[in-house]
Amino acid sequence: MEAPSEDRKPRYSVLHLIDIFDARYDRDQQRIIALQLERGYNVTVVTSTYNDEWSRSPRSSFREWERDLSGVDIHHYPAVKLPFFETVVYLPGPRALCNYSIIHAYGPWAYSSYLACILKRFMSTPIVMRADFSELGYQRAKRSLYWRALLHTQFRYADAITTFTQAEKHYLTDLGIAERKIWVIPVGVDLAKFGNAVNSPRPENEPVIGYIGRFAPLKGVHRLVAPLSQILREYENVKVIFAGPQYDRAYFKRIVKEMSQFTNFTYIGTPHDSITFFNQCDIILIPGMRDTGAITAKEAMAAGKVVVAFDAYPFNSYITNEVSGLLINAENDIYESCKRLIENSDFRERIQKAALSQASDFGDRKMVEKIEEMYDYILTLKQRRER
């Protein structure tokens, strides 16, 4: 992707402050940045030398992962990990002190969000903060005055706060965050790109079940071990593929060790992009009972795959049960759902087609246009204050 030409004045210059920026997944932050570049912004990313597996990576690795973002000015600075806060601290360098139209920071209690607050004290640049606020985060802040105070300190400096869902917005307003600051902007996916996985040739009698995401207890990957072990014992023609960063190494090793006893199980690491993964799958399992944006579900549906997820928000706002996916209520339902999809290829194909149709509502163009509307609004407010 090319940067805007030098003779064309960019509409915005945006600084993205991100604790960990790993471009192997073209989603979420990475997708917003790519679209902003496409729309003629000057885009700068200031981040750490850590990857999604919470390990340091050499600059050569980041350059390889970021080759599709060649027009973005990306700076990885030395960092140290703070396990208790689940964040990394990095030296921002001089690029963070330049003049920008907008500073975009990511995550509640994240170092990058605090860094944005510090910059706001010395510069008049408006700040947008992405909440990415889960139910667990809400419960933590609800129970603890300490965590609630830290959250309020961050969001007090924000000119706008983005959430993926109305539920996130409700969590924040219930904690006393000003509603006027909050913008609900659902995560979008590249429909054309994920559509490339739809027509990949797949043997009808060799269905593949997949999981992609972080290996961490919160993601619920352990819930897949027993039901998928039973599936692999009963169906020799079925394959299971896991992919994603080893966020919790001990947790990862325990799960992969149990699954590796089956010859039809494969762990493929963290792919350069998730299309590589979706090309190999027919059924996507999402074992976590909580999510903020349900990004994997949207991507899988856009790739024409059958998603099996828990009947919880926001999954049940995207998936119509037994029409565009399967919604389950208990861990035992994972086995029964997979068995049904394996044995009934017509049912599986019908859901895949409906998922693809429903995914047309998830386009990332709508997402970036809504972000731009938010930028316009807060910059207009800034101009009025300066008059």
Protein backbone atom coordinates (compact mmCIF):
# COMPACT_ATOMS: atom_id res chain seq x y z
CA MET A 1 0.00 0.00 0.00
CA GLU A 2 1.40 3.36 -1.03
CA ALA A 3 1.49 6.56 1.01
CA PRO A 4 -0.28 9.65 -0.38
CA SER A 5 1.79 11.65 -2.85
CA GLU A 6 3.81 14.51 -1.40
CA ASP A 7 2.07 17.14 -3.53
CA ARG A 8 -1.30 16.24 -2.06
CA LYS A 9 -2.00 17.74 1.34
CA PRO A 10 -3.15 15.02 3.77
CA ARG A 11 -6.54 15.51 5.37
CA TYR A 12 -5.21 14.38 8.74
CA SER A 13 -1.94 13.46 10.35
CA VAL A 14 -2.60 10.78 12.97
CA LEU A 15 -0.30 9.38 15.64
CA HIS A 16 -1.25 5.89 16.82
CA LEU A 17 0.20 4.97 20.22
CA ILE A 18 0.03 1.20 20.69
CA ASP A 19 1.69 -0.95 23.36
CA ILE A 20 2.15 -3.91 20.99
CA PHE A 21 1.75 -3.54 17.23
CA ASP A 22 2.03 -6.90 15.50
CA ALA A 23 1.01 -6.68 11.84
CA ARG A 24 0.77 -10.43 11.27
CA TYR A 25 -2.98 -10.08 11.77
CA ASP A 26 -4.62 -7.62 9.36
CA ARG A 27 -7.36 -6.56 11.73
CA ASP A 28 -8.47 -4.04 14.26
CA GLN A 29 -5.73 -1.40 14.72
CA GLN A 30 -3.82 -2.56 11.66
CA ARG A 31 -6.89 -2.33 9.43
CA ILE A 32 -7.76 1.17 10.63
CA ILE A 33 -4.19 2.32 9.94
CA ALA A 34 -4.15 0.76 6.45
CA LEU A 35 -7.46 2.40 5.54
CA GLN A 36 -6.34 5.78 6.85
CA LEU A 37 -3.26 5.56 4.67
CA GLU A 38 -5.47 4.66 1.71
CA ARG A 39 -7.65 7.71 2.38
CA GLY A 40 -4.66 10.04 2.19
CA TYR A 41 -3.72 10.49 5.85
CA ASN A 42 -0.19 10.87 7.13
CA VAL A 43 -0.02 7.97 9.57
CA THR A 44 2.62 7.39 12.27
CA VAL A 45 2.76 4.46 14.70
CA VAL A 46 4.82 4.61 17.89
CA THR A 47 5.02 1.27 19.65
CA SER A 48 7.26 -1.24 21.45
CA THR A 49 9.63 -3.99 20.34
CA TYR A 50 7.24 -6.66 21.68
CA ASN A 51 5.04 -8.91 19.55
CA ASP A 52 1.65 -10.51 20.26
CA GLU A 53 3.34 -13.35 22.10
CA TRP A 54 4.77 -10.86 24.62
CA SER A 55 8.28 -11.56 23.34
CA ARG A 56 10.83 -9.12 21.93
CA SER A 57 11.31 -9.34 18.18
CA PRO A 58 14.16 -8.06 15.99
CA ARG A 59 13.47 -5.12 13.70
CA SER A 60 13.91 -7.38 10.68
CA SER A 61 10.86 -9.41 11.78
CA PHE A 62 8.73 -6.32 12.17
CA ARG A 63 9.81 -5.11 8.72
CA GLU A 64 8.69 -8.41 7.22
CA TRP A 65 5.33 -8.37 9.01
CA GLU A 66 4.72 -4.74 8.07
CA ARG A 67 5.58 -4.99 4.38
CA ASP A 68 1.93 -4.31 3.42
CA LEU A 69 2.04 -1.08 5.46
CA SER A 70 5.05 0.40 3.70
CA GLY A 71 3.52 3.88 3.55
CA VAL A 72 3.10 4.08 7.33
CA ASP A 73 5.85 5.61 9.49
CA ILE A 74 6.28 2.88 12.14
CA HIS A 75 8.71 3.17 15.06
CA HIS A 76 9.45 0.29 17.46
CA TYR A 77 11.18 1.54 20.60
CA PRO A 78 12.93 -0.46 23.37
CA ALA A 79 10.50 -1.65 26.01
CA VAL A 80 10.07 -3.61 29.23
CA LYS A 81 7.09 -5.74 30.20
CA LEU A 82 4.95 -5.05 33.29
CA PRO A 83 3.11 -8.36 33.91
CA PHE A 84 0.84 -7.10 36.70
CA PHE A 85 -0.58 -4.37 34.48
CA GLU A 86 -0.50 -6.59 31.36
CA THR A 87 1.25 -3.85 29.44
CA VAL A 88 4.69 -2.83 28.19
CA VAL A 89 6.51 0.47 28.78
CA TYR A 90 8.54 1.91 25.94
CA LEU A 91 10.51 5.10 25.33
CA PRO A 92 8.39 7.01 22.81
CA GLY A 93 11.23 8.85 21.08
CA PRO A 94 11.02 12.15 19.20
CA ARG A 95 8.32 11.00 16.76
CA ALA A 96 5.70 11.23 19.52
CA LEU A 97 6.45 14.94 19.98
CA CYS A 98 5.66 16.08 16.44
CA ASN A 99 2.53 18.01 15.52
CA TYR A 100 -0.43 15.80 14.67
CA SER A 101 -4.11 16.40 13.99
CA ILE A 102 -5.13 13.49 16.24
CA ILE A 103 -3.50 11.16 18.75
CA HIS A 104 -5.14 7.73 18.78
CA ALA A 105 -4.33 5.53 21.83
CA TYR A 106 -5.41 1.98 22.54
CA GLY A 107 -6.65 0.15 25.60
CA PRO A 108 -7.87 0.80 29.15
CA TRP A 109 -5.02 0.92 31.68
CA ALA A 110 -2.54 0.61 28.81
CA TYR A 111 0.77 2.46 28.93
CA SER A 112 0.04 4.04 25.53
CA SER A 113 -3.12 5.62 26.90
CA TYR A 114 -1.20 7.15 29.82
CA LEU A 115 1.45 8.36 27.39
CA ALA A 116 -1.29 10.08 25.38
CA CYS A 117 -2.47 11.82 28.56
CA ILE A 118 1.06 13.12 29.21
CA LEU A 119 1.35 14.42 25.66
CA LYS A 120 -2.00 16.15 26.08
CA ARG A 121 -0.61 18.12 29.00
CA PHE A 122 2.07 19.65 26.79
CA MET A 123 0.31 19.76 23.43
CA SER A 124 -3.18 20.74 22.36
CA THR A 125 -3.61 17.69 20.13
CA PRO A 126 -7.03 16.01 20.61
CA ILE A 127 -6.92 12.43 21.91
CA VAL A 128 -9.07 9.48 20.87
CA MET A 129 -8.91 6.40 23.12
CA ARG A 130 -10.23 3.00 22.20
CA ALA A 131 -11.91 1.38 25.18
CA ASP A 132 -11.81 -2.32 24.20
CA PHE A 133 -13.61 -2.77 27.51
CA SER A 134 -14.65 -6.31 28.42
CA GLU A 135 -17.05 -7.50 31.10
CA LEU A 136 -14.04 -8.57 33.17
CA GLY A 137 -12.59 -5.07 32.93
CA TYR A 138 -15.94 -3.67 33.99
CA GLN A 139 -16.11 -5.97 37.02
CA ARG A 140 -12.54 -5.07 37.98
CA ALA A 141 -13.29 -1.35 37.90
CA LYS A 142 -16.65 -1.84 39.63
CA ARG A 143 -15.08 -3.67 42.56
CA SER A 144 -11.91 -1.61 42.95
CA LEU A 145 -11.70 2.13 43.61
CA TYR A 146 -8.02 1.95 42.59
CA TRP A 147 -8.70 0.57 39.09
CA ARG A 148 -11.69 2.85 38.65
CA ALA A 149 -9.59 5.89 39.53
CA LEU A 150 -6.90 4.88 37.02
CA LEU A 151 -9.57 4.47 34.34
CA HIS A 152 -11.09 7.88 35.06
CA THR A 153 -7.63 9.48 34.97
CA GLN A 154 -7.12 8.22 31.43
CA PHE A 155 -10.56 8.96 30.04
CA ARG A 156 -10.67 12.44 31.59
CA TYR A 157 -8.06 13.54 29.04
CA ALA A 158 -9.77 11.85 26.09
CA ASP A 159 -11.70 14.01 23.65
CA ALA A 160 -13.47 10.89 22.36
CA ILE A 161 -13.68 7.24 23.44
CA THR A 162 -14.54 4.45 21.01
CA THR A 163 -16.32 1.20 21.87
CA PHE A 164 -17.18 -1.75 19.66
CA THR A 165 -20.67 -2.30 21.10
CA GLN A 166 -23.49 -0.69 23.05
CA ALA A 167 -22.71 -3.08 25.91
CA GLU A 168 -19.22 -1.56 26.23
CA LYS A 169 -20.74 1.90 26.23
CA HIS A 170 -23.10 0.87 29.02
CA TYR A 171 -20.19 -0.45 31.12
CA LEU A 172 -18.39 2.88 30.80
CA THR A 173 -21.39 5.10 31.54
CA ASP A 174 -22.23 2.94 34.55
CA LEU A 175 -18.71 3.67 35.84
CA GLY A 176 -19.31 7.40 35.47
CA ILE A 177 -17.60 8.03 32.11
CA ALA A 178 -19.27 10.91 30.23
CA GLU A 179 -21.67 9.52 27.64
CA ARG A 180 -21.10 12.48 25.30
CA LYS A 181 -17.50 11.30 24.76
CA ILE A 182 -18.38 7.75 23.74
CA TRP A 183 -18.71 6.69 20.10
CA VAL A 184 -19.92 3.18 19.26
CA ILE A 185 -17.94 2.08 16.19
CA PRO A 186 -18.27 -1.66 15.44
CA VAL A 187 -15.14 -3.34 14.16
CA GLY A 188 -15.14 -3.87 10.41
CA VAL A 189 -13.50 -6.46 8.18
CA ASP A 190 -12.13 -6.37 4.64
CA LEU A 191 -14.97 -8.20 2.88
CA ALA A 192 -13.14 -8.53 -0.43
CA LYS A 193 -10.02 -9.95 1.19
CA PHE A 194 -11.78 -12.49 3.37
CA GLY A 195 -14.01 -13.39 0.45
CA ASN A 196 -10.92 -14.90 -1.19
CA ALA A 197 -11.16 -17.76 1.30
CA VAL A 198 -14.71 -18.64 0.22
CA ASN A 199 -13.90 -20.27 -3.09
CA SER A 200 -10.85 -22.23 -1.99
CA PRO A 201 -11.22 -25.88 -3.07
CA ARG A 202 -12.17 -28.07 -0.10
CA PRO A 203 -12.80 -31.84 -0.19
CA GLU A 204 -16.39 -32.30 0.97
CA ASN A 205 -15.62 -35.46 2.92
CA GLU A 206 -12.62 -33.99 4.77
CA PRO A 207 -13.97 -31.11 6.89
CA VAL A 208 -11.46 -29.04 8.84
CA ILE A 209 -12.22 -27.52 12.24
CA GLY A 210 -10.16 -24.53 13.34
CA TYR A 211 -9.38 -22.20 16.21
CA ILE A 212 -7.45 -18.97 15.70
CA GLY A 213 -6.58 -16.52 18.47
CA ARG A 214 -4.42 -16.00 21.51
CA PHE A 215 -3.63 -18.94 23.76
CA ALA A 216 -4.83 -17.56 27.10
CA PRO A 217 -7.37 -18.86 29.66
CA LEU A 218 -9.69 -15.93 28.90
CA LYS A 219 -10.02 -17.21 25.31
CA GLY A 220 -11.29 -20.58 26.58
CA VAL A 221 -9.12 -22.74 24.31
CA HIS A 222 -9.04 -25.44 27.02
CA ARG A 223 -12.77 -25.98 26.44
CA LEU A 224 -11.94 -27.41 23.00
CA VAL A 225 -9.61 -30.20 24.15
CA ALA A 226 -12.16 -32.79 25.32
CA PRO A 227 -14.80 -32.36 22.56
CA LEU A 228 -12.24 -32.19 19.74
CA SER A 229 -10.35 -35.18 21.12
CA GLN A 230 -13.59 -37.14 20.95
CA ILE A 231 -14.23 -35.92 17.39
CA LEU A 232 -10.76 -36.94 16.22
CA ARG A 233 -11.16 -40.38 17.77
CA GLU A 234 -14.48 -40.93 15.99
CA TYR A 235 -13.79 -39.36 12.57
CA GLU A 236 -10.58 -40.25 10.76
CA ASN A 237 -11.43 -37.91 7.87
CA VAL A 238 -11.65 -34.78 10.08
CA LYS A 239 -8.73 -32.44 10.70
CA VAL A 240 -8.22 -29.85 13.45
CA ILE A 241 -5.98 -26.80 13.06
CA PHE A 242 -5.04 -24.33 15.79
CA ALA A 243 -3.31 -21.00 15.11
CA GLY A 244 -2.35 -17.93 17.07
CA PRO A 245 0.22 -16.39 19.41
CA GLN A 246 1.45 -18.23 22.50
CA TYR A 247 0.29 -15.51 24.88
CA ASP A 248 0.46 -17.79 27.93
CA ARG A 249 3.27 -20.25 27.22
CA ALA A 250 2.41 -22.77 29.96
CA TYR A 251 -1.25 -22.76 28.94
CA PHE A 252 -0.29 -23.17 25.27
CA LYS A 253 2.06 -26.09 25.93
CA ARG A 254 -0.53 -27.92 28.02
CA ILE A 255 -3.20 -27.67 25.31
CA VAL A 256 -0.98 -28.51 22.35
CA LYS A 257 0.56 -31.47 24.21
CA GLU A 258 -2.92 -32.97 24.76
CA MET A 259 -4.02 -32.35 21.16
CA SER A 260 -0.76 -33.52 19.56
CA GLN A 261 -1.51 -37.16 20.36
CA PHE A 262 -3.78 -37.06 17.29
CA THR A 263 -2.13 -37.23 13.87
CA ASN A 264 -4.94 -35.11 12.37
CA PHE A 265 -4.17 -32.17 14.67
CA THR A 266 -1.83 -29.34 13.61
CA TYR A 267 -0.66 -26.13 15.23
CA ILE A 268 0.53 -23.75 12.49
CA GLY A 269 1.84 -20.89 14.64
CA THR A 270 0.90 -17.28 14.02
CA PRO A 271 0.18 -16.90 10.29
CA HIS A 272 1.22 -13.80 8.37
CA ASP A 273 -2.47 -13.16 7.75
CA SER A 274 -5.59 -14.97 8.85
CA ILE A 275 -6.65 -15.65 5.24
CA THR A 276 -3.99 -18.38 5.17
CA PHE A 277 -5.77 -19.97 8.09
CA PHE A 278 -9.34 -19.56 6.86
CA ASN A 279 -8.37 -21.06 3.48
CA GLN A 280 -7.78 -24.35 5.29
CA CYS A 281 -10.96 -24.46 7.40
CA ASP A 282 -14.68 -25.15 7.13
CA ILE A 283 -15.75 -24.70 10.76
CA ILE A 284 -14.42 -22.07 13.17
CA LEU A 285 -14.77 -22.57 16.92
CA ILE A 286 -14.82 -19.59 19.30
CA PRO A 287 -14.63 -21.06 22.82
CA GLY A 288 -14.44 -17.78 24.78
CA MET A 289 -17.62 -16.80 26.58
CA ARG A 290 -16.80 -13.10 26.45
CA ASP A 291 -15.53 -10.82 23.73
CA THR A 292 -15.66 -7.14 22.94
CA GLY A 293 -15.67 -6.90 19.17
CA ALA A 294 -16.05 -10.58 18.17
CA ILE A 295 -13.59 -9.88 15.38
CA THR A 296 -12.82 -13.53 14.62
CA ALA A 297 -16.51 -14.32 14.23
CA LYS A 298 -16.95 -11.51 11.71
CA GLU A 299 -13.85 -12.49 9.75
CA ALA A 300 -14.88 -16.14 9.63
CA MET A 301 -18.38 -15.27 8.42
CA ALA A 302 -16.92 -12.98 5.75
CA ALA A 303 -14.81 -15.96 4.66
CA GLY A 304 -17.95 -18.11 4.37
CA LYS A 305 -17.16 -20.37 7.32
CA VAL A 306 -19.49 -21.87 9.93
CA VAL A 307 -18.92 -20.19 13.28
CA VAL A 308 -19.70 -22.07 16.50
CA ALA A 309 -19.76 -19.64 19.45
CA PHE A 310 -21.43 -19.24 22.81
CA ASP A 311 -24.90 -17.69 22.91
CA ALA A 312 -23.64 -14.48 24.47
CA TYR A 313 -23.26 -10.84 23.48
CA PRO A 314 -21.95 -9.78 21.00
CA PHE A 315 -21.89 -13.14 19.16
CA ASN A 316 -25.67 -13.47 19.29
CA SER A 317 -26.03 -10.00 17.76
CA TYR A 318 -24.07 -11.09 14.67
CA ILE A 319 -25.10 -14.74 14.34
CA THR A 320 -28.61 -16.07 13.77
CA ASN A 321 -28.63 -19.51 15.37
CA GLU A 322 -28.82 -22.41 12.90
CA VAL A 323 -29.09 -19.92 10.04
CA SER A 324 -25.76 -18.04 9.79
CA GLY A 325 -23.92 -19.96 12.51
CA LEU A 326 -24.41 -22.09 15.62
CA LEU A 327 -24.83 -20.65 19.11
CA ILE A 328 -24.16 -22.99 22.03
CA ASN A 329 -24.88 -22.81 25.75
CA ALA A 330 -22.39 -25.26 27.28
CA GLU A 331 -19.03 -26.87 26.64
CA ASN A 332 -20.72 -30.19 25.88
CA ASP A 333 -22.48 -28.53 22.94
CA ILE A 334 -19.15 -28.13 21.13
CA TYR A 335 -18.95 -31.85 20.40
CA GLU A 336 -22.60 -32.13 19.32
CA SER A 337 -22.34 -29.09 17.04
CA CYS A 338 -19.19 -30.35 15.34
CA LYS A 339 -20.66 -33.84 14.92
CA ARG A 340 -23.79 -32.41 13.30
CA LEU A 341 -21.79 -30.24 10.89
CA ILE A 342 -19.45 -33.08 9.96
CA GLU A 343 -22.24 -35.54 9.19
CA ASN A 344 -24.53 -33.13 7.35
CA SER A 345 -22.62 -31.37 4.57
CA ASP A 346 -25.82 -29.81 3.17
CA PHE A 347 -26.53 -28.17 6.54
CA ARG A 348 -22.93 -26.98 6.74
CA GLU A 349 -23.00 -25.47 3.24
CA ARG A 350 -26.34 -23.75 3.89
CA ILE A 351 -24.94 -22.02 6.98
CA GLN A 352 -21.76 -21.05 5.13
CA LYS A 353 -23.80 -19.27 2.43
CA ALA A 354 -25.99 -17.48 5.01
CA ALA A 355 -22.89 -16.42 6.99
CA LEU A 356 -21.36 -14.92 3.87
CA SER A 357 -24.56 -13.02 3.13
CA GLN A 358 -24.89 -11.68 6.69
CA ALA A 359 -21.23 -10.59 6.70
CA SER A 360 -22.04 -7.92 4.11
CA ASP A 361 -23.04 -5.72 7.09
CA PHE A 362 -19.51 -5.88 8.55
CA GLY A 363 -17.59 -3.85 5.95
CA ASP A 364 -14.59 -1.92 7.21
CA ARG A 365 -15.37 1.12 5.03
CA LYS A 366 -18.26 1.94 7.36
CA MET A 367 -15.88 1.70 10.30
CA VAL A 368 -13.28 4.11 8.94
CA GLU A 369 -15.98 6.57 7.76
CA LYS A 370 -17.41 6.61 11.29
CA ILE A 371 -13.93 7.23 12.72
CA GLU A 372 -13.47 10.10 10.31
CA GLU A 373 -16.83 11.56 11.38
CA MET A 374 -15.58 11.42 14.98
CA TYR A 375 -12.32 13.15 14.02
CA ASP A 376 -14.26 15.92 12.24
CA TYR A 377 -16.43 16.42 15.31
CA ILE A 378 -13.67 16.71 17.91
CA LEU A 379 -11.52 18.93 15.68
CA THR A 380 -14.50 21.25 15.14
CA LEU A 381 -14.94 21.46 18.92
CA LYS A 382 -11.25 22.27 19.27
CA GLN A 383 -11.51 25.10 16.71
CA ARG A 384 -14.50 26.58 18.55
CA ARG A 385 -12.62 26.54 21.86
CA GLU A 386 -9.64 28.30 20.28
CA ARG A 387 -11.69 31.19 18.87
